Amino acid sequence: MNKTLFIATILALGLFITCQRAEQTVTLVLKYPDGQVIVWDFDGADHTDEYKNDSLWRTDDVAWSGTTKEEILDKIDSTIFIKHTNNETIKRLDPKTGKYSTRDTVSYMYSLQTPDGRIMSVESSEKPDSTAMESYKNKFKELAPKYPARAVPVGYTWTQTSKVELKEGGINNVTTSYKIRGLAKRGGHDCAIIDFTTELTYPIDRFIEEDSATLRGMGSSNTTGIIYHAYDIGVIIEFEQHSEAVANLTEISAEGESPVVVKKKTSRSYKLKDYILPGT
């Protein structure tokens, strides 16, 4: 083989390998075998600064950590009913003393989840009966994002608009953008690395009983995060999220009106601790 032909062959081979890599696809699905138990380590923190008349008025610092155990209790068609047992340590800063108070809690929550990634939370400390489960399924089925219904390549992006119920009442549309950044080994598993971002703007109209005042205005938040989806076992093994929110408000009370600005930063992370299958 002459030198020119040899170089051409190498270049063609390199192009072929590059194309093969670019065309690599992944199917994103959550697998829920009967009897599956997952245990997560989690932690998070909230920091809030409230400004009144352009002066720092109040600060709140909360941190938490612990484990949550997820157990499959039942299945309705392709919807999975899961019990979450949360063992949590909560630390809150007392702004008067500058010291943290610590509290340990055990709590329970039930959720409905689907293989396409939707998580439909059921805020309940008791297991709903079958009628309530069907009701929850219908109520929450449009509220959470879902994965693409087909195999997709690295670099693939998609958006999902969900409906979120606001504390003040009403429903707001929230659009989240996703992108498959790459594929990698993580915790011994084949993972898709998924970046996501969410932006939300919402009205605020809230009565604060302790201050005998009403807060009105607009709030906005920006959230970014990363998901490590282990597609070999169909489990999310890591999740990290960071949010920043700002509310520009007017406090209305018997004393008159005052401008109030609330700034909040939140971080949350989950990491797979134990993954238990029946018979293992």
C-alpha atoms as a PDB file:
ATOM      1  CA  MET A   1       0.000   0.000   0.000  1.00  0.00           C
ATOM      2  CA  ASN A   2       1.474   3.342  -1.001  1.00  0.00           C
ATOM      3  CA  LYS A   3       1.751   6.228   1.440  1.00  0.00           C
ATOM      4  CA  THR A   4      -1.135   8.223  -0.079  1.00  0.00           C
ATOM      5  CA  LEU A   5      -3.524   5.264   0.008  1.00  0.00           C
ATOM      6  CA  PHE A   6      -2.478   4.419   3.574  1.00  0.00           C
ATOM      7  CA  ILE A   7      -3.230   7.970   4.782  1.00  0.00           C
ATOM      8  CA  ALA A   8      -6.565   7.999   2.958  1.00  0.00           C
ATOM      9  CA  THR A   9      -7.511   4.685   4.586  1.00  0.00           C
ATOM     10  CA  ILE A  10      -6.630   5.966   8.063  1.00  0.00           C
ATOM     11  CA  LEU A  11      -8.618   9.160   7.504  1.00  0.00           C
ATOM     12  CA  ALA A  12     -11.618   7.198   6.252  1.00  0.00           C
ATOM     13  CA  LEU A  13     -11.403   4.850   9.249  1.00  0.00           C
ATOM     14  CA  GLY A  14     -11.220   7.824  11.607  1.00  0.00           C
ATOM     15  CA  LEU A  15     -14.265   9.364   9.953  1.00  0.00           C
ATOM     16  CA  PHE A  16     -16.137   6.072  10.249  1.00  0.00           C
ATOM     17  CA  ILE A  17     -15.346   5.788  13.965  1.00  0.00           C
ATOM     18  CA  THR A  18     -16.389   9.407  14.539  1.00  0.00           C
ATOM     19  CA  CYS A  19     -19.687   8.837  12.763  1.00  0.00           C
ATOM     20  CA  GLN A  20     -20.318   5.671  14.717  1.00  0.00           C
ATOM     21  CA  ARG A  21     -19.791   7.518  17.983  1.00  0.00           C
ATOM     22  CA  ALA A  22     -21.996  10.414  16.915  1.00  0.00           C
ATOM     23  CA  GLU A  23     -24.782   8.009  16.029  1.00  0.00           C
ATOM     24  CA  GLN A  24     -24.691   6.170  19.352  1.00  0.00           C
ATOM     25  CA  THR A  25     -28.154   6.251  20.888  1.00  0.00           C
ATOM     26  CA  VAL A  26     -29.646   5.526  24.277  1.00  0.00           C
ATOM     27  CA  THR A  27     -33.119   4.566  25.441  1.00  0.00           C
ATOM     28  CA  LEU A  28     -34.166   6.319  28.632  1.00  0.00           C
ATOM     29  CA  VAL A  29     -36.572   4.302  30.713  1.00  0.00           C
ATOM     30  CA  LEU A  30     -37.040   3.580  34.410  1.00  0.00           C
ATOM     31  CA  LYS A  31     -37.360  -0.094  35.270  1.00  0.00           C
ATOM     32  CA  TYR A  32     -39.447  -1.184  38.228  1.00  0.00           C
ATOM     33  CA  PRO A  33     -39.046  -4.936  38.820  1.00  0.00           C
ATOM     34  CA  ASP A  34     -41.327  -6.355  41.492  1.00  0.00           C
ATOM     35  CA  GLY A  35     -39.736  -6.139  44.920  1.00  0.00           C
ATOM     36  CA  GLN A  36     -37.163  -3.494  43.947  1.00  0.00           C
ATOM     37  CA  VAL A  37     -35.860  -1.427  46.888  1.00  0.00           C
ATOM     38  CA  ILE A  38     -33.698   1.675  46.472  1.00  0.00           C
ATOM     39  CA  VAL A  39     -31.963   3.642  49.217  1.00  0.00           C
ATOM     40  CA  TRP A  40     -30.677   7.165  48.579  1.00  0.00           C
ATOM     41  CA  ASP A  41     -28.371   9.482  50.467  1.00  0.00           C
ATOM     42  CA  PHE A  42     -29.594  13.051  50.148  1.00  0.00           C
ATOM     43  CA  ASP A  43     -28.725  16.541  51.297  1.00  0.00           C
ATOM     44  CA  GLY A  44     -29.851  20.057  50.630  1.00  0.00           C
ATOM     45  CA  ALA A  45     -29.790  23.630  51.821  1.00  0.00           C
ATOM     46  CA  ASP A  46     -31.922  26.772  51.621  1.00  0.00           C
ATOM     47  CA  HIS A  47     -30.621  30.303  52.193  1.00  0.00           C
ATOM     48  CA  THR A  48     -33.091  33.190  52.182  1.00  0.00           C
ATOM     49  CA  ASP A  49     -32.488  36.919  52.546  1.00  0.00           C
ATOM     50  CA  GLU A  50     -35.431  39.282  52.945  1.00  0.00           C
ATOM     51  CA  TYR A  51     -35.000  43.015  52.363  1.00  0.00           C
ATOM     52  CA  LYS A  52     -37.504  45.602  53.560  1.00  0.00           C
ATOM     53  CA  ASN A  53     -37.170  49.254  52.543  1.00  0.00           C
ATOM     54  CA  ASP A  54     -33.785  48.354  50.981  1.00  0.00           C
ATOM     55  CA  SER A  55     -32.369  47.019  54.287  1.00  0.00           C
ATOM     56  CA  LEU A  56     -31.713  43.391  55.223  1.00  0.00           C
ATOM     57  CA  TRP A  57     -34.643  42.490  57.421  1.00  0.00           C
ATOM     58  CA  ARG A  58     -34.472  38.737  57.945  1.00  0.00           C
ATOM     59  CA  THR A  59     -32.238  35.785  57.072  1.00  0.00           C
ATOM     60  CA  ASP A  60     -33.127  32.111  57.129  1.00  0.00           C
ATOM     61  CA  ASP A  61     -30.687  29.199  56.792  1.00  0.00           C
ATOM     62  CA  VAL A  62     -31.828  25.582  56.682  1.00  0.00           C
ATOM     63  CA  ALA A  63     -29.809  22.463  55.838  1.00  0.00           C
ATOM     64  CA  TRP A  64     -30.875  18.851  55.804  1.00  0.00           C
ATOM     65  CA  SER A  65     -29.402  15.428  55.129  1.00  0.00           C
ATOM     66  CA  GLY A  66     -30.367  11.803  55.494  1.00  0.00           C
ATOM     67  CA  THR A  67     -31.605   8.781  53.601  1.00  0.00           C
ATOM     68  CA  THR A  68     -34.788   7.877  51.805  1.00  0.00           C
ATOM     69  CA  LYS A  69     -35.889   4.311  51.129  1.00  0.00           C
ATOM     70  CA  GLU A  70     -38.117   3.617  48.137  1.00  0.00           C
ATOM     71  CA  GLU A  71     -40.239   0.431  48.095  1.00  0.00           C
ATOM     72  CA  ILE A  72     -42.604  -0.695  45.345  1.00  0.00           C
ATOM     73  CA  LEU A  73     -46.004  -1.392  46.865  1.00  0.00           C
ATOM     74  CA  ASP A  74     -48.289  -1.813  43.879  1.00  0.00           C
ATOM     75  CA  LYS A  75     -48.718  -1.324  40.123  1.00  0.00           C
ATOM     76  CA  ILE A  76     -51.658   0.068  38.169  1.00  0.00           C
ATOM     77  CA  ASP A  77     -51.069  -0.703  34.509  1.00  0.00           C
ATOM     78  CA  SER A  78     -47.682   0.960  33.879  1.00  0.00           C
ATOM     79  CA  THR A  79     -47.928   3.274  36.896  1.00  0.00           C
ATOM     80  CA  ILE A  80     -45.859   2.291  39.919  1.00  0.00           C
ATOM     81  CA  PHE A  81     -46.965   3.058  43.486  1.00  0.00           C
ATOM     82  CA  ILE A  82     -43.964   3.695  45.747  1.00  0.00           C
ATOM     83  CA  LYS A  83     -43.534   4.253  49.488  1.00  0.00           C
ATOM     84  CA  HIS A  84     -40.759   6.638  50.563  1.00  0.00           C
ATOM     85  CA  THR A  85     -39.388   6.417  54.112  1.00  0.00           C
ATOM     86  CA  ASN A  86     -37.319   9.497  54.945  1.00  0.00           C
ATOM     87  CA  ASN A  87     -34.853   9.610  57.837  1.00  0.00           C
ATOM     88  CA  GLU A  88     -33.762  13.219  58.000  1.00  0.00           C
ATOM     89  CA  THR A  89     -31.637  15.555  60.101  1.00  0.00           C
ATOM     90  CA  ILE A  90     -32.669  19.203  59.809  1.00  0.00           C
ATOM     91  CA  LYS A  91     -30.424  22.079  60.905  1.00  0.00           C
ATOM     92  CA  ARG A  92     -31.854  25.592  61.174  1.00  0.00           C
ATOM     93  CA  LEU A  93     -29.940  28.763  62.024  1.00  0.00           C
ATOM     94  CA  ASP A  94     -31.354  30.926  64.810  1.00  0.00           C
ATOM     95  CA  PRO A  95     -30.628  34.483  63.597  1.00  0.00           C
ATOM     96  CA  LYS A  96     -30.824  35.841  67.169  1.00  0.00           C
ATOM     97  CA  THR A  97     -28.183  33.541  68.654  1.00  0.00           C
ATOM     98  CA  GLY A  98     -26.225  32.649  65.495  1.00  0.00           C
ATOM     99  CA  LYS A  99     -26.452  28.963  66.481  1.00  0.00           C
ATOM    100  CA  TYR A 100     -28.034  26.010  64.699  1.00  0.00           C
ATOM    101  CA  SER A 101     -30.775  23.866  66.186  1.00  0.00           C
ATOM    102  CA  THR A 102     -30.928  20.238  65.059  1.00  0.00           C
ATOM    103  CA  ARG A 103     -33.956  18.017  64.707  1.00  0.00           C
ATOM    104  CA  ASP A 104     -34.182  14.375  63.577  1.00  0.00           C
ATOM    105  CA  THR A 105     -37.357  13.232  61.846  1.00  0.00           C
ATOM    106  CA  VAL A 106     -38.843  10.149  60.236  1.00  0.00           C
ATOM    107  CA  SER A 107     -41.533  10.801  57.627  1.00  0.00           C
ATOM    108  CA  TYR A 108     -43.377   8.910  54.925  1.00  0.00           C
ATOM    109  CA  MET A 109     -44.570   9.880  51.475  1.00  0.00           C
ATOM    110  CA  TYR A 110     -46.212   7.974  48.662  1.00  0.00           C
ATOM    111  CA  SER A 111     -45.753   8.659  44.958  1.00  0.00           C
ATOM    112  CA  LEU A 112     -46.894   7.451  41.584  1.00  0.00           C
ATOM    113  CA  GLN A 113     -44.138   7.038  38.987  1.00  0.00           C
ATOM    114  CA  THR A 114     -44.016   5.844  35.396  1.00  0.00           C
ATOM    115  CA  PRO A 115     -41.287   4.203  33.280  1.00  0.00           C
ATOM    116  CA  ASP A 116     -41.038   7.270  31.018  1.00  0.00           C
ATOM    117  CA  GLY A 117     -39.642   9.309  33.920  1.00  0.00           C
ATOM    118  CA  ARG A 118     -42.707  11.032  35.255  1.00  0.00           C
ATOM    119  CA  ILE A 119     -42.857  11.369  39.032  1.00  0.00           C
ATOM    120  CA  MET A 120     -46.342  12.159  40.250  1.00  0.00           C
ATOM    121  CA  SER A 121     -46.075  13.017  43.936  1.00  0.00           C
ATOM    122  CA  VAL A 122     -48.779  12.105  46.383  1.00  0.00           C
ATOM    123  CA  GLU A 123     -48.349  14.203  49.524  1.00  0.00           C
ATOM    124  CA  SER A 124     -49.726  11.757  52.042  1.00  0.00           C
ATOM    125  CA  SER A 125     -48.480  10.083  55.200  1.00  0.00           C
ATOM    126  CA  GLU A 126     -50.938   7.210  54.802  1.00  0.00           C
ATOM    127  CA  LYS A 127     -51.302   4.736  51.981  1.00  0.00           C
ATOM    128  CA  PRO A 128     -54.269   5.714  49.770  1.00  0.00           C
ATOM    129  CA  ASP A 129     -56.801   3.028  48.841  1.00  0.00           C
ATOM    130  CA  SER A 130     -57.185   1.832  45.251  1.00  0.00           C
ATOM    131  CA  THR A 131     -59.870   4.432  44.425  1.00  0.00           C
ATOM    132  CA  ALA A 132     -57.670   7.248  45.691  1.00  0.00           C
ATOM    133  CA  MET A 133     -54.718   5.862  43.730  1.00  0.00           C
ATOM    134  CA  GLU A 134     -56.695   6.012  40.488  1.00  0.00           C
ATOM    135  CA  SER A 135     -57.724   9.563  41.351  1.00  0.00           C
ATOM    136  CA  TYR A 136     -54.120  10.569  42.015  1.00  0.00           C
ATOM    137  CA  LYS A 137     -53.037   8.948  38.757  1.00  0.00           C
ATOM    138  CA  ASN A 138     -55.535  10.990  36.757  1.00  0.00           C
ATOM    139  CA  LYS A 139     -54.810  14.194  38.663  1.00  0.00           C
ATOM    140  CA  PHE A 140     -51.026  14.121  38.355  1.00  0.00           C
ATOM    141  CA  LYS A 141     -50.502  12.416  34.997  1.00  0.00           C
ATOM    142  CA  GLU A 142     -49.867  15.697  33.152  1.00  0.00           C
ATOM    143  CA  LEU A 143     -47.753  17.374  35.828  1.00  0.00           C
ATOM    144  CA  ALA A 144     -44.297  15.874  35.367  1.00  0.00           C
ATOM    145  CA  PRO A 145     -41.794  15.740  32.483  1.00  0.00           C
ATOM    146  CA  LYS A 146     -41.217  12.517  30.604  1.00  0.00           C
ATOM    147  CA  TYR A 147     -38.390  10.956  28.604  1.00  0.00           C
ATOM    148  CA  PRO A 148     -38.437  10.649  24.792  1.00  0.00           C
ATOM    149  CA  ALA A 149     -40.445   7.645  23.597  1.00  0.00           C
ATOM    150  CA  ARG A 150     -37.587   6.384  21.379  1.00  0.00           C
ATOM    151  CA  ALA A 151     -33.833   5.865  21.400  1.00  0.00           C
ATOM    152  CA  VAL A 152     -32.055   9.224  21.075  1.00  0.00           C
ATOM    153  CA  PRO A 153     -28.434  10.267  20.388  1.00  0.00           C
ATOM    154  CA  VAL A 154     -25.977  12.214  22.522  1.00  0.00           C
ATOM    155  CA  GLY A 155     -26.703  15.914  22.096  1.00  0.00           C
ATOM    156  CA  TYR A 156     -30.444  15.331  21.792  1.00  0.00           C
ATOM    157  CA  THR A 157     -32.589  18.057  23.376  1.00  0.00           C
ATOM    158  CA  TRP A 158     -36.236  18.218  24.268  1.00  0.00           C
ATOM    159  CA  THR A 159     -38.613  20.361  26.264  1.00  0.00           C
ATOM    160  CA  GLN A 160     -41.565  19.511  28.425  1.00  0.00           C
ATOM    161  CA  THR A 161     -44.249  21.877  29.650  1.00  0.00           C
ATOM    162  CA  SER A 162     -45.791  20.867  32.956  1.00  0.00           C
ATOM    163  CA  LYS A 163     -48.548  22.334  35.065  1.00  0.00           C
ATOM    164  CA  VAL A 164     -47.695  23.438  38.601  1.00  0.00           C
ATOM    165  CA  GLU A 165     -50.231  24.308  41.268  1.00  0.00           C
ATOM    166  CA  LEU A 166     -49.277  27.550  43.033  1.00  0.00           C
ATOM    167  CA  LYS A 167     -49.588  28.078  46.794  1.00  0.00           C
ATOM    168  CA  GLU A 168     -51.835  31.062  46.159  1.00  0.00           C
ATOM    169  CA  GLY A 169     -54.069  28.945  43.953  1.00  0.00           C
ATOM    170  CA  GLY A 170     -54.264  28.565  40.215  1.00  0.00           C
ATOM    171  CA  ILE A 171     -52.109  26.637  37.761  1.00  0.00           C
ATOM    172  CA  ASN A 172     -48.962  27.848  36.065  1.00  0.00           C
ATOM    173  CA  ASN A 173     -47.192  26.327  33.061  1.00  0.00           C
ATOM    174  CA  VAL A 174     -43.523  25.487  33.580  1.00  0.00           C
ATOM    175  CA  THR A 175     -41.221  24.578  30.694  1.00  0.00           C
ATOM    176  CA  THR A 176     -38.095  22.530  31.349  1.00  0.00           C
ATOM    177  CA  SER A 177     -35.356  22.012  28.746  1.00  0.00           C
ATOM    178  CA  TYR A 178     -33.276  18.822  28.690  1.00  0.00           C
ATOM    179  CA  LYS A 179     -30.096  17.843  26.884  1.00  0.00           C
ATOM    180  CA  ILE A 180     -28.176  14.567  26.807  1.00  0.00           C
ATOM    181  CA  ARG A 181     -24.662  15.842  27.397  1.00  0.00           C
ATOM    182  CA  GLY A 182     -22.923  12.504  27.028  1.00  0.00           C
ATOM    183  CA  LEU A 183     -22.578   8.879  28.079  1.00  0.00           C
ATOM    184  CA  ALA A 184     -20.226   7.744  30.833  1.00  0.00           C
ATOM    185  CA  LYS A 185     -19.572   5.175  33.528  1.00  0.00           C
ATOM    186  CA  ARG A 186     -20.854   6.286  36.930  1.00  0.00           C
ATOM    187  CA  GLY A 187     -20.923   4.136  40.032  1.00  0.00           C
ATOM    188  CA  GLY A 188     -20.140   1.112  37.896  1.00  0.00           C
ATOM    189  CA  HIS A 189     -23.114   1.688  35.605  1.00  0.00           C
ATOM    190  CA  ASP A 190     -23.602   2.877  32.004  1.00  0.00           C
ATOM    191  CA  CYS A 191     -25.150   6.322  32.384  1.00  0.00           C
ATOM    192  CA  ALA A 192     -26.640   9.054  30.269  1.00  0.00           C
ATOM    193  CA  ILE A 193     -25.699  12.490  31.596  1.00  0.00           C
ATOM    194  CA  ILE A 194     -28.692  14.801  31.279  1.00  0.00           C
ATOM    195  CA  ASP A 195     -28.601  18.563  31.893  1.00  0.00           C
ATOM    196  CA  PHE A 196     -31.816  20.447  32.559  1.00  0.00           C
ATOM    197  CA  THR A 197     -32.938  24.032  33.097  1.00  0.00           C
ATOM    198  CA  THR A 198     -36.251  25.526  34.179  1.00  0.00           C
ATOM    199  CA  GLU A 199     -37.446  29.120  34.361  1.00  0.00           C
ATOM    200  CA  LEU A 200     -40.627  30.142  36.124  1.00  0.00           C
ATOM    201  CA  THR A 201     -42.454  33.429  36.699  1.00  0.00           C
ATOM    202  CA  TYR A 202     -45.435  33.530  39.049  1.00  0.00           C
ATOM    203  CA  PRO A 203     -47.740  35.994  40.851  1.00  0.00           C
ATOM    204  CA  ILE A 204     -47.693  36.235  44.661  1.00  0.00           C
ATOM    205  CA  ASP A 205     -50.631  37.310  46.805  1.00  0.00           C
ATOM    206  CA  ARG A 206     -50.202  36.015  50.337  1.00  0.00           C
ATOM    207  CA  PHE A 207     -51.472  37.023  53.766  1.00  0.00           C
ATOM    208  CA  ILE A 208     -48.851  36.710  56.531  1.00  0.00           C
ATOM    209  CA  GLU A 209     -50.804  36.156  59.725  1.00  0.00           C
ATOM    210  CA  GLU A 210     -47.886  36.723  62.133  1.00  0.00           C
ATOM    211  CA  ASP A 211     -47.246  40.174  60.610  1.00  0.00           C
ATOM    212  CA  SER A 212     -50.905  40.988  59.869  1.00  0.00           C
ATOM    213  CA  ALA A 213     -49.813  41.990  56.377  1.00  0.00           C
ATOM    214  CA  THR A 214     -50.363  41.022  52.766  1.00  0.00           C
ATOM    215  CA  LEU A 215     -47.518  40.468  50.306  1.00  0.00           C
ATOM    216  CA  ARG A 216     -48.242  41.078  46.636  1.00  0.00           C
ATOM    217  CA  GLY A 217     -46.012  41.082  43.604  1.00  0.00           C
ATOM    218  CA  MET A 218     -44.164  38.782  41.230  1.00  0.00           C
ATOM    219  CA  GLY A 219     -41.613  36.055  41.744  1.00  0.00           C
ATOM    220  CA  SER A 220     -39.236  34.334  39.361  1.00  0.00           C
ATOM    221  CA  SER A 221     -36.882  31.396  39.624  1.00  0.00           C
ATOM    222  CA  ASN A 222     -34.179  29.725  37.574  1.00  0.00           C
ATOM    223  CA  THR A 223     -33.223  26.098  38.139  1.00  0.00           C
ATOM    224  CA  THR A 224     -30.356  24.099  36.676  1.00  0.00           C
ATOM    225  CA  GLY A 225     -29.498  20.499  37.330  1.00  0.00           C
ATOM    226  CA  ILE A 226     -27.909  17.280  36.204  1.00  0.00           C
ATOM    227  CA  ILE A 227     -29.217  13.722  36.122  1.00  0.00           C
ATOM    228  CA  TYR A 228     -27.144  10.542  35.876  1.00  0.00           C
ATOM    229  CA  HIS A 229     -29.524   7.987  34.407  1.00  0.00           C
ATOM    230  CA  ALA A 230     -28.152   4.432  34.581  1.00  0.00           C
ATOM    231  CA  TYR A 231     -29.786   3.044  31.461  1.00  0.00           C
ATOM    232  CA  ASP A 232     -28.336  -0.436  32.016  1.00  0.00           C
ATOM    233  CA  ILE A 233     -30.515  -0.953  35.112  1.00  0.00           C
ATOM    234  CA  GLY A 234     -33.138   1.736  34.484  1.00  0.00           C
ATOM    235  CA  VAL A 235     -32.428   3.767  37.635  1.00  0.00           C
ATOM    236  CA  ILE A 236     -31.403   7.388  38.232  1.00  0.00           C
ATOM    237  CA  ILE A 237     -28.288   7.017  40.377  1.00  0.00           C
ATOM    238  CA  GLU A 238     -27.482  10.691  40.942  1.00  0.00           C
ATOM    239  CA  PHE A 239     -29.452  13.904  40.822  1.00  0.00           C
ATOM    240  CA  GLU A 240     -28.335  17.454  41.562  1.00  0.00           C
ATOM    241  CA  GLN A 241     -30.310  20.679  41.384  1.00  0.00           C
ATOM    242  CA  HIS A 242     -29.593  24.354  42.093  1.00  0.00           C
ATOM    243  CA  SER A 243     -32.204  27.118  42.130  1.00  0.00           C
ATOM    244  CA  GLU A 244     -32.202  30.871  42.544  1.00  0.00           C
ATOM    245  CA  ALA A 245     -35.442  32.751  43.154  1.00  0.00           C
ATOM    246  CA  VAL A 246     -36.267  36.440  43.542  1.00  0.00           C
ATOM    247  CA  ALA A 247     -39.572  37.979  44.588  1.00  0.00           C
ATOM    248  CA  ASN A 248     -40.269  41.705  44.220  1.00  0.00           C
ATOM    249  CA  LEU A 249     -43.165  42.464  46.524  1.00  0.00           C
ATOM    250  CA  THR A 250     -45.167  45.145  48.265  1.00  0.00           C
ATOM    251  CA  GLU A 251     -46.079  44.616  51.916  1.00  0.00           C
ATOM    252  CA  ILE A 252     -49.499  46.066  52.697  1.00  0.00           C
ATOM    253  CA  SER A 253     -50.373  46.533  56.379  1.00  0.00           C
ATOM    254  CA  ALA A 254     -52.093  48.964  58.737  1.00  0.00           C
ATOM    255  CA  GLU A 255     -48.883  51.041  58.756  1.00  0.00           C
ATOM    256  CA  GLY A 256     -48.950  51.484  54.982  1.00  0.00           C
ATOM    257  CA  GLU A 257     -46.977  49.965  52.110  1.00  0.00           C
ATOM    258  CA  SER A 258     -43.318  48.915  52.037  1.00  0.00           C
ATOM    259  CA  PRO A 259     -41.169  47.386  49.273  1.00  0.00           C
ATOM    260  CA  VAL A 260     -39.956  43.866  50.069  1.00  0.00           C
ATOM    261  CA  VAL A 261     -37.421  41.808  48.106  1.00  0.00           C
ATOM    262  CA  VAL A 262     -36.878  38.124  48.858  1.00  0.00           C
ATOM    263  CA  LYS A 263     -33.844  36.267  47.475  1.00  0.00           C
ATOM    264  CA  LYS A 264     -33.530  32.523  47.913  1.00  0.00           C
ATOM    265  CA  LYS A 265     -30.892  29.982  46.907  1.00  0.00           C
ATOM    266  CA  THR A 266     -31.609  26.267  47.097  1.00  0.00           C
ATOM    267  CA  SER A 267     -29.513  23.171  46.424  1.00  0.00           C
ATOM    268  CA  ARG A 268     -30.539  19.513  46.495  1.00  0.00           C
ATOM    269  CA  SER A 269     -28.700  16.307  45.671  1.00  0.00           C
ATOM    270  CA  TYR A 270     -29.448  12.583  45.753  1.00  0.00           C
ATOM    271  CA  LYS A 271     -27.017   9.713  45.353  1.00  0.00           C
ATOM    272  CA  LEU A 272     -27.790   6.012  45.134  1.00  0.00           C
ATOM    273  CA  LYS A 273     -26.675   4.141  48.249  1.00  0.00           C
ATOM    274  CA  ASP A 274     -28.260   0.682  47.879  1.00  0.00           C
ATOM    275  CA  TYR A 275     -30.023  -0.991  44.990  1.00  0.00           C
ATOM    276  CA  ILE A 276     -31.720  -4.221  46.027  1.00  0.00           C
ATOM    277  CA  LEU A 277     -33.457  -6.676  43.708  1.00  0.00           C
ATOM    278  CA  PRO A 278     -35.580  -9.659  44.780  1.00  0.00           C
ATOM    279  CA  GLY A 279     -33.420 -12.680  45.580  1.00  0.00           C
ATOM    280  CA  THR A 280     -30.185 -10.704  45.991  1.00  0.00           C
END
